[in-house]
Amino acid sequence: MNDTSMTHSFASRSRDGINISGVSDVVSFDESGVALETVCGSMAVEGEGLHITVLNITEGKVEIEGKINGLYYFENKSTTKKGLFSKRAD
């Protein structure tokens, strides 16, 4: 799904969570990262203890709870977990 009428936005909740709209796919996720496809391109959220609490791809909405450490956009369409999070230093 790549609905051009859908808008993309995100709102952080004091680094304890994030609401994201305009999501077309969740590529991968674990407690340290979530890889998404949005109407604006590939996106990654990194953090600690991350959990997806709302997932509604039909409406393009995702809510993530946990400590948010970083938010990144990528120009390429490759959003495999290995590609997004493999270079992260532990």
N, C-alpha and C. Protein backbone atom coordinates (compact mmCIF):
# COMPACT_ATOMS: atom_id res chain seq x y z
N MET A 1 0.84 -1.19 0.00
CA MET A 1 0.00 0.00 0.00
C MET A 1 0.88 1.24 0.00
N ASN A 2 0.69 2.08 -0.96
CA ASN A 2 1.40 3.36 -1.00
C ASN A 2 0.40 4.43 -1.38
N ASP A 3 -0.50 4.73 -0.48
CA ASP A 3 -1.58 5.68 -0.68
C ASP A 3 -1.02 7.09 -0.62
N THR A 4 -1.02 7.78 -1.76
CA THR A 4 -0.45 9.12 -1.80
C THR A 4 -1.33 10.14 -1.09
N SER A 5 -2.60 9.79 -0.79
CA SER A 5 -3.46 10.71 -0.06
C SER A 5 -3.18 10.66 1.44
N MET A 6 -2.46 9.63 1.89
CA MET A 6 -2.13 9.50 3.30
C MET A 6 -0.96 10.43 3.64
N THR A 7 -1.03 11.09 4.79
CA THR A 7 0.06 11.95 5.21
C THR A 7 0.91 11.22 6.25
N HIS A 8 2.14 11.65 6.37
CA HIS A 8 3.07 11.05 7.31
C HIS A 8 3.43 12.07 8.39
N SER A 9 3.35 11.64 9.63
CA SER A 9 3.78 12.48 10.74
C SER A 9 4.15 11.58 11.91
N PHE A 10 4.85 12.17 12.88
CA PHE A 10 5.14 11.43 14.11
C PHE A 10 5.14 12.41 15.27
N ALA A 11 4.80 11.88 16.44
CA ALA A 11 4.79 12.68 17.66
C ALA A 11 5.40 11.85 18.77
N SER A 12 6.45 12.39 19.37
CA SER A 12 7.14 11.71 20.47
C SER A 12 6.47 12.08 21.78
N ARG A 13 6.44 11.10 22.69
CA ARG A 13 5.87 11.33 24.02
C ARG A 13 7.00 11.26 25.05
N SER A 14 7.76 12.33 25.17
CA SER A 14 8.84 12.44 26.16
C SER A 14 9.81 11.26 26.10
N ARG A 15 10.13 10.80 24.91
CA ARG A 15 11.03 9.66 24.67
C ARG A 15 10.51 8.35 25.24
N ASP A 16 9.28 8.33 25.76
CA ASP A 16 8.69 7.10 26.29
C ASP A 16 7.85 6.38 25.24
N GLY A 17 7.69 6.97 24.09
CA GLY A 17 6.91 6.37 23.03
C GLY A 17 6.77 7.31 21.87
N ILE A 18 6.18 6.79 20.79
CA ILE A 18 6.02 7.59 19.58
C ILE A 18 4.78 7.11 18.83
N ASN A 19 4.03 8.06 18.29
CA ASN A 19 2.89 7.78 17.41
C ASN A 19 3.31 8.15 15.99
N ILE A 20 3.07 7.25 15.05
CA ILE A 20 3.49 7.48 13.67
C ILE A 20 2.30 7.26 12.75
N SER A 21 2.08 8.17 11.81
CA SER A 21 1.03 7.99 10.81
C SER A 21 1.68 7.93 9.43
N GLY A 22 0.94 7.45 8.46
CA GLY A 22 1.45 7.32 7.10
C GLY A 22 2.31 6.08 6.91
N VAL A 23 2.09 5.06 7.75
CA VAL A 23 2.87 3.82 7.68
C VAL A 23 2.20 2.86 6.71
N SER A 24 2.97 2.34 5.76
CA SER A 24 2.43 1.38 4.80
C SER A 24 2.85 -0.06 5.11
N ASP A 25 3.91 -0.25 5.93
CA ASP A 25 4.36 -1.61 6.27
C ASP A 25 5.30 -1.56 7.47
N VAL A 26 5.24 -2.58 8.29
CA VAL A 26 6.25 -2.80 9.33
C VAL A 26 7.13 -3.92 8.81
N VAL A 27 8.38 -3.59 8.52
CA VAL A 27 9.30 -4.53 7.89
C VAL A 27 9.86 -5.50 8.92
N SER A 28 10.28 -4.98 10.08
CA SER A 28 10.81 -5.83 11.15
C SER A 28 10.74 -5.06 12.46
N PHE A 29 10.80 -5.83 13.55
CA PHE A 29 10.80 -5.18 14.86
C PHE A 29 11.34 -6.14 15.91
N ASP A 30 11.96 -5.57 16.92
CA ASP A 30 12.34 -6.27 18.14
C ASP A 30 12.44 -5.21 19.23
N GLU A 31 12.93 -5.58 20.39
CA GLU A 31 12.96 -4.63 21.50
C GLU A 31 13.93 -3.47 21.31
N SER A 32 14.83 -3.58 20.32
CA SER A 32 15.80 -2.50 20.11
C SER A 32 15.56 -1.69 18.85
N GLY A 33 14.61 -2.11 18.01
CA GLY A 33 14.37 -1.34 16.79
C GLY A 33 13.14 -1.76 16.03
N VAL A 34 12.57 -0.80 15.29
CA VAL A 34 11.42 -1.04 14.43
C VAL A 34 11.73 -0.43 13.07
N ALA A 35 11.62 -1.24 12.02
CA ALA A 35 11.84 -0.77 10.64
C ALA A 35 10.49 -0.66 9.96
N LEU A 36 10.22 0.51 9.39
CA LEU A 36 8.93 0.81 8.79
C LEU A 36 9.09 1.32 7.37
N GLU A 37 8.06 1.11 6.56
CA GLU A 37 7.92 1.81 5.29
C GLU A 37 6.81 2.82 5.49
N THR A 38 7.08 4.08 5.14
CA THR A 38 6.06 5.12 5.23
C THR A 38 5.82 5.71 3.85
N VAL A 39 4.82 6.54 3.73
CA VAL A 39 4.56 7.19 2.45
C VAL A 39 5.67 8.16 2.07
N CYS A 40 6.56 8.45 3.03
CA CYS A 40 7.72 9.33 2.77
C CYS A 40 9.03 8.56 2.67
N GLY A 41 8.98 7.23 2.66
CA GLY A 41 10.19 6.42 2.54
C GLY A 41 10.41 5.54 3.75
N SER A 42 11.57 4.92 3.79
CA SER A 42 11.93 3.99 4.86
C SER A 42 12.29 4.75 6.13
N MET A 43 11.91 4.17 7.26
CA MET A 43 12.10 4.83 8.56
C MET A 43 12.50 3.77 9.58
N ALA A 44 13.37 4.14 10.49
CA ALA A 44 13.77 3.25 11.58
C ALA A 44 13.65 3.98 12.90
N VAL A 45 13.15 3.28 13.90
CA VAL A 45 13.09 3.79 15.26
C VAL A 45 13.96 2.87 16.10
N GLU A 46 14.93 3.45 16.80
CA GLU A 46 15.81 2.66 17.67
C GLU A 46 15.55 3.03 19.12
N GLY A 47 15.71 2.05 20.00
CA GLY A 47 15.49 2.33 21.41
C GLY A 47 15.72 1.11 22.27
N GLU A 48 15.09 1.14 23.44
CA GLU A 48 15.23 0.06 24.41
C GLU A 48 13.84 -0.33 24.90
N GLY A 49 13.60 -1.63 24.98
CA GLY A 49 12.32 -2.12 25.46
C GLY A 49 11.15 -1.70 24.60
N LEU A 50 11.35 -1.66 23.28
CA LEU A 50 10.30 -1.20 22.38
C LEU A 50 9.22 -2.27 22.18
N HIS A 51 7.98 -1.81 22.17
CA HIS A 51 6.83 -2.67 21.92
C HIS A 51 5.86 -1.92 21.03
N ILE A 52 5.35 -2.59 20.00
CA ILE A 52 4.31 -2.00 19.16
C ILE A 52 2.99 -2.21 19.88
N THR A 53 2.33 -1.11 20.27
CA THR A 53 1.08 -1.20 21.02
C THR A 53 -0.15 -0.99 20.13
N VAL A 54 0.02 -0.28 19.01
CA VAL A 54 -1.05 -0.10 18.04
C VAL A 54 -0.46 -0.35 16.66
N LEU A 55 -1.13 -1.19 15.88
CA LEU A 55 -0.71 -1.47 14.51
C LEU A 55 -1.96 -1.53 13.65
N ASN A 56 -2.16 -0.51 12.83
CA ASN A 56 -3.30 -0.45 11.94
C ASN A 56 -2.80 0.03 10.59
N ILE A 57 -2.38 -0.90 9.76
CA ILE A 57 -1.81 -0.56 8.45
C ILE A 57 -2.89 0.02 7.54
N THR A 58 -4.13 -0.42 7.68
CA THR A 58 -5.22 0.12 6.87
C THR A 58 -5.33 1.64 7.05
N GLU A 59 -5.21 2.10 8.29
CA GLU A 59 -5.25 3.53 8.57
C GLU A 59 -3.86 4.16 8.59
N GLY A 60 -2.80 3.34 8.47
CA GLY A 60 -1.44 3.85 8.44
C GLY A 60 -0.91 4.28 9.79
N LYS A 61 -1.43 3.70 10.87
CA LYS A 61 -1.04 4.14 12.22
C LYS A 61 -0.25 3.07 12.96
N VAL A 62 0.83 3.51 13.61
CA VAL A 62 1.63 2.66 14.48
C VAL A 62 1.97 3.45 15.74
N GLU A 63 1.83 2.82 16.89
CA GLU A 63 2.26 3.42 18.15
C GLU A 63 3.27 2.48 18.78
N ILE A 64 4.37 3.05 19.24
CA ILE A 64 5.46 2.29 19.84
C ILE A 64 5.71 2.83 21.24
N GLU A 65 5.82 1.94 22.21
CA GLU A 65 6.17 2.33 23.57
C GLU A 65 7.54 1.78 23.91
N GLY A 66 8.25 2.49 24.77
CA GLY A 66 9.59 2.13 25.18
C GLY A 66 10.47 3.36 25.08
N LYS A 67 11.72 3.24 25.48
CA LYS A 67 12.65 4.37 25.43
C LYS A 67 13.13 4.58 23.99
N ILE A 68 12.84 5.76 23.44
CA ILE A 68 13.22 6.09 22.06
C ILE A 68 14.61 6.74 22.09
N ASN A 69 15.57 6.12 21.38
CA ASN A 69 16.93 6.65 21.31
C ASN A 69 17.24 7.33 19.98
N GLY A 70 16.51 6.96 18.93
CA GLY A 70 16.80 7.56 17.63
C GLY A 70 15.72 7.28 16.62
N LEU A 71 15.62 8.18 15.65
CA LEU A 71 14.65 8.08 14.58
C LEU A 71 15.38 8.46 13.30
N TYR A 72 15.30 7.59 12.29
CA TYR A 72 16.08 7.79 11.08
C TYR A 72 15.22 7.56 9.85
N TYR A 73 15.50 8.31 8.78
CA TYR A 73 14.91 8.09 7.47
C TYR A 73 16.00 7.61 6.53
N PHE A 74 15.61 6.79 5.55
CA PHE A 74 16.53 6.26 4.56
C PHE A 74 15.98 6.49 3.18
N GLU A 75 16.84 6.87 2.26
CA GLU A 75 16.42 7.12 0.88
C GLU A 75 16.18 5.84 0.11
N ASN A 76 16.99 4.81 0.37
CA ASN A 76 16.81 3.56 -0.37
C ASN A 76 15.61 2.81 0.16
N LYS A 77 15.13 1.86 -0.60
CA LYS A 77 13.95 1.09 -0.21
C LYS A 77 14.32 -0.20 0.52
N SER A 78 15.58 -0.43 0.79
CA SER A 78 16.00 -1.64 1.49
C SER A 78 15.86 -1.43 3.00
N THR A 79 14.86 -2.07 3.60
CA THR A 79 14.63 -1.89 5.03
C THR A 79 14.68 -3.23 5.75
N THR A 80 15.61 -4.06 5.35
CA THR A 80 15.75 -5.30 6.09
C THR A 80 16.40 -5.01 7.42
N LYS A 81 16.12 -5.81 8.41
CA LYS A 81 16.66 -5.59 9.74
C LYS A 81 18.18 -5.55 9.69
N LYS A 82 18.77 -6.44 8.93
CA LYS A 82 20.23 -6.46 8.83
C LYS A 82 20.75 -5.12 8.30
N GLY A 83 20.10 -4.58 7.29
CA GLY A 83 20.55 -3.33 6.69
C GLY A 83 20.37 -2.12 7.59
N LEU A 84 19.31 -2.10 8.39
CA LEU A 84 19.05 -0.93 9.23
C LEU A 84 19.80 -0.95 10.53
N PHE A 85 19.90 -2.09 11.16
CA PHE A 85 20.41 -2.12 12.53
C PHE A 85 21.75 -2.84 12.68
N SER A 86 22.31 -3.39 11.62
CA SER A 86 23.54 -4.14 11.76
C SER A 86 24.75 -3.28 12.08
N LYS A 87 24.74 -1.99 11.75
CA LYS A 87 25.88 -1.13 12.00
C LYS A 87 25.79 -0.42 13.34
N ARG A 88 24.72 -0.64 14.08
CA ARG A 88 24.52 0.00 15.37
C ARG A 88 25.52 -0.55 16.39
N ALA A 89 26.19 0.34 17.08
CA ALA A 89 27.15 -0.08 18.12
C ALA A 89 26.41 -0.43 19.38
N ASP A 90 26.75 -1.54 20.00
CA ASP A 90 26.10 -1.94 21.25
C ASP A 90 26.84 -1.42 22.45
